[in-house]
Amino acid sequence: MIRFRKIFSIGPFRTSLSKTGVGFSWGFPVLRFGVSPNGRKYVSMGIPGTGLYMIKYLNSNTNSKSNYQNTQIKKQTTSQPKNIEPWWKQKNLMD
């Protein structure tokens, strides 16, 4: 897979252009804070000159809201009665 990325830096600020969009970050090589092209906020820590780094994406309100909705759906589906007869008994196909 071939990827394209162009980075513009002015002091501690960095703008990156890629196929997926434009990302922004600020900080220093050891610690950076930023927003990816798809809008996810992150913190990046690295060891300068080695190419080793770690990215931690931060939770956003939209992720928390969807997790809450998924929890509510699970509660609704598990609260149904446990003694539901199989479909073939409901249709009187077999006794």
N, C-alpha and C. Protein backbone atom coordinates (compact mmCIF):
# COMPACT_ATOMS: atom_id res chain seq x y z
N MET A 1 0.85 -1.17 0.00
CA MET A 1 0.00 0.00 0.00
C MET A 1 0.90 1.24 0.00
N ILE A 2 0.59 2.19 -0.83
CA ILE A 2 1.35 3.43 -0.89
C ILE A 2 0.53 4.52 -0.21
N ARG A 3 1.20 5.25 0.68
CA ARG A 3 0.54 6.34 1.39
C ARG A 3 1.23 7.65 1.06
N PHE A 4 0.49 8.72 1.08
CA PHE A 4 1.03 10.04 0.82
C PHE A 4 0.75 10.92 2.02
N ARG A 5 1.77 11.70 2.43
CA ARG A 5 1.58 12.65 3.52
C ARG A 5 2.59 13.77 3.35
N LYS A 6 2.14 14.99 3.48
CA LYS A 6 3.02 16.16 3.42
C LYS A 6 2.82 16.94 4.70
N ILE A 7 3.93 17.25 5.38
CA ILE A 7 3.86 17.93 6.67
C ILE A 7 4.49 19.31 6.56
N PHE A 8 3.79 20.31 7.09
CA PHE A 8 4.29 21.68 7.17
C PHE A 8 4.44 22.03 8.64
N SER A 9 5.63 22.50 9.04
CA SER A 9 5.88 22.84 10.44
C SER A 9 6.30 24.29 10.57
N ILE A 10 5.73 24.96 11.57
CA ILE A 10 6.13 26.31 11.94
C ILE A 10 6.24 26.32 13.46
N GLY A 11 7.45 26.25 13.97
CA GLY A 11 7.67 26.18 15.41
C GLY A 11 7.04 24.92 15.97
N PRO A 12 6.28 25.04 17.06
CA PRO A 12 5.66 23.85 17.65
C PRO A 12 4.38 23.40 16.94
N PHE A 13 3.93 24.13 15.90
CA PHE A 13 2.69 23.80 15.19
C PHE A 13 3.00 23.00 13.93
N ARG A 14 2.15 22.02 13.65
CA ARG A 14 2.34 21.15 12.50
C ARG A 14 1.00 20.93 11.81
N THR A 15 1.02 21.01 10.50
CA THR A 15 -0.16 20.72 9.67
C THR A 15 0.24 19.60 8.73
N SER A 16 -0.59 18.56 8.67
CA SER A 16 -0.29 17.46 7.76
C SER A 16 -1.41 17.28 6.75
N LEU A 17 -1.01 17.13 5.50
CA LEU A 17 -1.96 16.89 4.41
C LEU A 17 -1.80 15.44 3.97
N SER A 18 -2.91 14.74 3.87
CA SER A 18 -2.88 13.36 3.42
C SER A 18 -4.09 13.08 2.55
N LYS A 19 -4.19 11.88 2.08
CA LYS A 19 -5.33 11.48 1.25
C LYS A 19 -6.65 11.60 2.02
N THR A 20 -6.60 11.37 3.33
CA THR A 20 -7.83 11.40 4.13
C THR A 20 -8.23 12.79 4.60
N GLY A 21 -7.33 13.80 4.47
CA GLY A 21 -7.69 15.14 4.88
C GLY A 21 -6.53 15.90 5.49
N VAL A 22 -6.88 16.89 6.32
CA VAL A 22 -5.90 17.77 6.95
C VAL A 22 -5.93 17.54 8.45
N GLY A 23 -4.74 17.35 9.04
CA GLY A 23 -4.63 17.18 10.47
C GLY A 23 -3.77 18.29 11.07
N PHE A 24 -4.02 18.60 12.34
CA PHE A 24 -3.28 19.65 13.02
C PHE A 24 -2.74 19.11 14.33
N SER A 25 -1.54 19.59 14.71
CA SER A 25 -1.00 19.23 16.01
C SER A 25 -0.07 20.33 16.49
N TRP A 26 0.19 20.31 17.80
CA TRP A 26 1.15 21.25 18.37
C TRP A 26 1.88 20.55 19.50
N GLY A 27 3.09 20.99 19.72
CA GLY A 27 3.90 20.39 20.77
C GLY A 27 5.33 20.24 20.30
N PHE A 28 6.05 19.34 20.93
CA PHE A 28 7.45 19.10 20.64
C PHE A 28 7.62 17.63 20.30
N PRO A 29 8.80 17.24 19.77
CA PRO A 29 8.96 15.84 19.34
C PRO A 29 8.65 14.81 20.42
N VAL A 30 8.86 15.14 21.68
CA VAL A 30 8.60 14.19 22.76
C VAL A 30 7.11 14.06 23.06
N LEU A 31 6.37 15.17 23.02
CA LEU A 31 4.95 15.18 23.37
C LEU A 31 4.20 16.11 22.44
N ARG A 32 3.16 15.58 21.77
CA ARG A 32 2.35 16.39 20.86
C ARG A 32 0.87 16.15 21.15
N PHE A 33 0.08 17.17 20.94
CA PHE A 33 -1.38 17.11 21.02
C PHE A 33 -1.92 17.45 19.65
N GLY A 34 -2.95 16.75 19.20
CA GLY A 34 -3.43 17.04 17.86
C GLY A 34 -4.82 16.55 17.56
N VAL A 35 -5.24 16.86 16.33
CA VAL A 35 -6.53 16.42 15.80
C VAL A 35 -6.24 15.77 14.46
N SER A 36 -6.65 14.52 14.29
CA SER A 36 -6.40 13.78 13.06
C SER A 36 -7.32 14.27 11.94
N PRO A 37 -7.05 13.90 10.69
CA PRO A 37 -7.91 14.34 9.59
C PRO A 37 -9.38 13.95 9.74
N ASN A 38 -9.66 12.86 10.45
CA ASN A 38 -11.07 12.48 10.64
C ASN A 38 -11.68 13.07 11.91
N GLY A 39 -10.96 13.98 12.59
CA GLY A 39 -11.52 14.71 13.72
C GLY A 39 -11.25 14.11 15.09
N ARG A 40 -10.50 13.03 15.16
CA ARG A 40 -10.21 12.40 16.46
C ARG A 40 -9.06 13.13 17.15
N LYS A 41 -9.24 13.44 18.44
CA LYS A 41 -8.20 14.10 19.22
C LYS A 41 -7.24 13.06 19.77
N TYR A 42 -5.94 13.43 19.84
CA TYR A 42 -4.95 12.46 20.30
C TYR A 42 -3.80 13.14 21.02
N VAL A 43 -3.06 12.32 21.77
CA VAL A 43 -1.80 12.71 22.40
C VAL A 43 -0.76 11.74 21.86
N SER A 44 0.39 12.27 21.46
CA SER A 44 1.46 11.44 20.91
C SER A 44 2.72 11.65 21.71
N MET A 45 3.38 10.55 22.08
CA MET A 45 4.66 10.62 22.78
C MET A 45 5.67 9.80 22.00
N GLY A 46 6.89 10.33 21.88
CA GLY A 46 7.89 9.61 21.10
C GLY A 46 9.30 9.86 21.58
N ILE A 47 10.21 9.06 21.04
CA ILE A 47 11.63 9.21 21.31
C ILE A 47 12.26 9.82 20.06
N PRO A 48 12.71 11.08 20.14
CA PRO A 48 13.23 11.76 18.96
C PRO A 48 14.40 11.01 18.31
N GLY A 49 14.38 10.97 16.98
CA GLY A 49 15.45 10.37 16.22
C GLY A 49 15.38 8.87 16.05
N THR A 50 14.41 8.22 16.72
CA THR A 50 14.31 6.76 16.63
C THR A 50 13.16 6.30 15.75
N GLY A 51 12.16 7.15 15.58
CA GLY A 51 10.96 6.74 14.85
C GLY A 51 9.97 6.00 15.73
N LEU A 52 10.29 5.81 17.02
CA LEU A 52 9.39 5.13 17.95
C LEU A 52 8.46 6.15 18.59
N TYR A 53 7.18 5.89 18.52
CA TYR A 53 6.22 6.77 19.15
C TYR A 53 4.95 6.00 19.49
N MET A 54 4.13 6.61 20.32
CA MET A 54 2.87 6.01 20.76
C MET A 54 1.78 7.06 20.62
N ILE A 55 0.63 6.66 20.14
CA ILE A 55 -0.50 7.58 20.01
C ILE A 55 -1.64 7.07 20.88
N LYS A 56 -2.20 7.96 21.67
CA LYS A 56 -3.38 7.65 22.50
C LYS A 56 -4.51 8.55 22.03
N TYR A 57 -5.55 7.95 21.45
CA TYR A 57 -6.71 8.72 21.02
C TYR A 57 -7.59 9.00 22.22
N LEU A 58 -8.07 10.23 22.32
CA LEU A 58 -8.90 10.64 23.44
C LEU A 58 -10.36 10.42 23.11
N ASN A 59 -11.16 10.13 24.13
CA ASN A 59 -12.60 9.93 23.92
C ASN A 59 -13.25 11.26 23.59
N SER A 60 -14.27 11.20 22.78
CA SER A 60 -15.04 12.40 22.46
C SER A 60 -16.47 12.18 22.93
N ASN A 61 -17.25 13.24 22.93
CA ASN A 61 -18.65 13.14 23.38
C ASN A 61 -19.46 12.20 22.50
N THR A 62 -19.17 12.14 21.20
CA THR A 62 -19.94 11.27 20.31
C THR A 62 -19.69 9.81 20.65
N ASN A 63 -18.45 9.44 21.02
CA ASN A 63 -18.17 8.06 21.39
C ASN A 63 -18.88 7.70 22.68
N SER A 64 -18.88 8.63 23.66
CA SER A 64 -19.55 8.36 24.93
C SER A 64 -21.04 8.19 24.72
N LYS A 65 -21.62 9.01 23.86
CA LYS A 65 -23.05 8.93 23.60
C LYS A 65 -23.41 7.61 22.95
N SER A 66 -22.61 7.16 21.97
CA SER A 66 -22.93 5.89 21.31
C SER A 66 -22.74 4.72 22.27
N ASN A 67 -21.75 4.78 23.17
CA ASN A 67 -21.58 3.73 24.16
C ASN A 67 -22.78 3.69 25.09
N TYR A 68 -23.31 4.85 25.47
CA TYR A 68 -24.50 4.90 26.32
C TYR A 68 -25.70 4.29 25.61
N GLN A 69 -25.87 4.63 24.32
CA GLN A 69 -26.98 4.08 23.55
C GLN A 69 -26.86 2.57 23.41
N ASN A 70 -25.65 2.06 23.17
CA ASN A 70 -25.45 0.61 23.06
C ASN A 70 -25.79 -0.08 24.37
N THR A 71 -25.45 0.54 25.50
CA THR A 71 -25.78 -0.03 26.81
C THR A 71 -27.29 -0.09 26.99
N GLN A 72 -27.99 0.96 26.59
CA GLN A 72 -29.44 1.00 26.72
C GLN A 72 -30.09 -0.08 25.85
N ILE A 73 -29.59 -0.30 24.65
CA ILE A 73 -30.14 -1.33 23.76
C ILE A 73 -29.92 -2.70 24.38
N LYS A 74 -28.76 -2.95 24.95
CA LYS A 74 -28.49 -4.24 25.59
C LYS A 74 -29.43 -4.46 26.76
N LYS A 75 -29.70 -3.41 27.54
CA LYS A 75 -30.62 -3.54 28.68
C LYS A 75 -32.02 -3.89 28.20
N GLN A 76 -32.46 -3.26 27.10
CA GLN A 76 -33.79 -3.54 26.57
C GLN A 76 -33.91 -4.96 26.07
N THR A 77 -32.90 -5.47 25.40
CA THR A 77 -32.98 -6.81 24.85
C THR A 77 -32.86 -7.88 25.92
N THR A 78 -32.16 -7.60 27.01
CA THR A 78 -32.02 -8.60 28.06
C THR A 78 -33.18 -8.58 29.04
N SER A 79 -34.03 -7.55 28.98
CA SER A 79 -35.14 -7.48 29.91
C SER A 79 -36.39 -8.22 29.40
N GLN A 80 -36.31 -8.88 28.26
CA GLN A 80 -37.45 -9.63 27.74
C GLN A 80 -37.65 -10.90 28.57
N PRO A 81 -38.89 -11.42 28.61
CA PRO A 81 -39.16 -12.63 29.39
C PRO A 81 -38.31 -13.80 28.92
N LYS A 82 -37.90 -14.63 29.86
CA LYS A 82 -37.02 -15.76 29.54
C LYS A 82 -37.81 -16.97 29.02
N ASN A 83 -39.11 -17.06 29.27
CA ASN A 83 -39.90 -18.25 28.93
C ASN A 83 -40.63 -18.08 27.60
N ILE A 84 -39.95 -17.69 26.58
CA ILE A 84 -40.56 -17.58 25.26
C ILE A 84 -40.46 -18.93 24.58
N GLU A 85 -41.57 -19.39 24.04
CA GLU A 85 -41.59 -20.69 23.39
C GLU A 85 -40.91 -20.61 22.03
N PRO A 86 -40.33 -21.70 21.55
CA PRO A 86 -39.74 -21.72 20.21
C PRO A 86 -40.80 -21.44 19.15
N TRP A 87 -40.35 -20.97 17.99
CA TRP A 87 -41.28 -20.56 16.95
C TRP A 87 -42.16 -21.70 16.46
N TRP A 88 -41.63 -22.94 16.44
CA TRP A 88 -42.45 -24.05 15.93
C TRP A 88 -43.58 -24.40 16.90
N LYS A 89 -43.38 -24.15 18.20
CA LYS A 89 -44.48 -24.37 19.14
C LYS A 89 -45.50 -23.26 19.06
N GLN A 90 -45.04 -22.03 18.78
CA GLN A 90 -45.97 -20.92 18.63
C GLN A 90 -46.86 -21.11 17.41
N LYS A 91 -46.39 -21.78 16.38
CA LYS A 91 -47.17 -22.01 15.16
C LYS A 91 -47.91 -23.34 15.23
N ASN A 92 -47.81 -24.05 16.34
CA ASN A 92 -48.44 -25.36 16.53
C ASN A 92 -47.97 -26.38 15.49
N LEU A 93 -46.70 -26.35 15.13
CA LEU A 93 -46.18 -27.29 14.16
C LEU A 93 -45.79 -28.61 14.83
N MET A 94 -45.25 -28.54 16.04
CA MET A 94 -44.85 -29.74 16.77
C MET A 94 -45.22 -29.57 18.23
N ASP A 95 -45.53 -30.68 18.87
CA ASP A 95 -45.83 -30.63 20.31
C ASP A 95 -44.74 -31.29 21.10
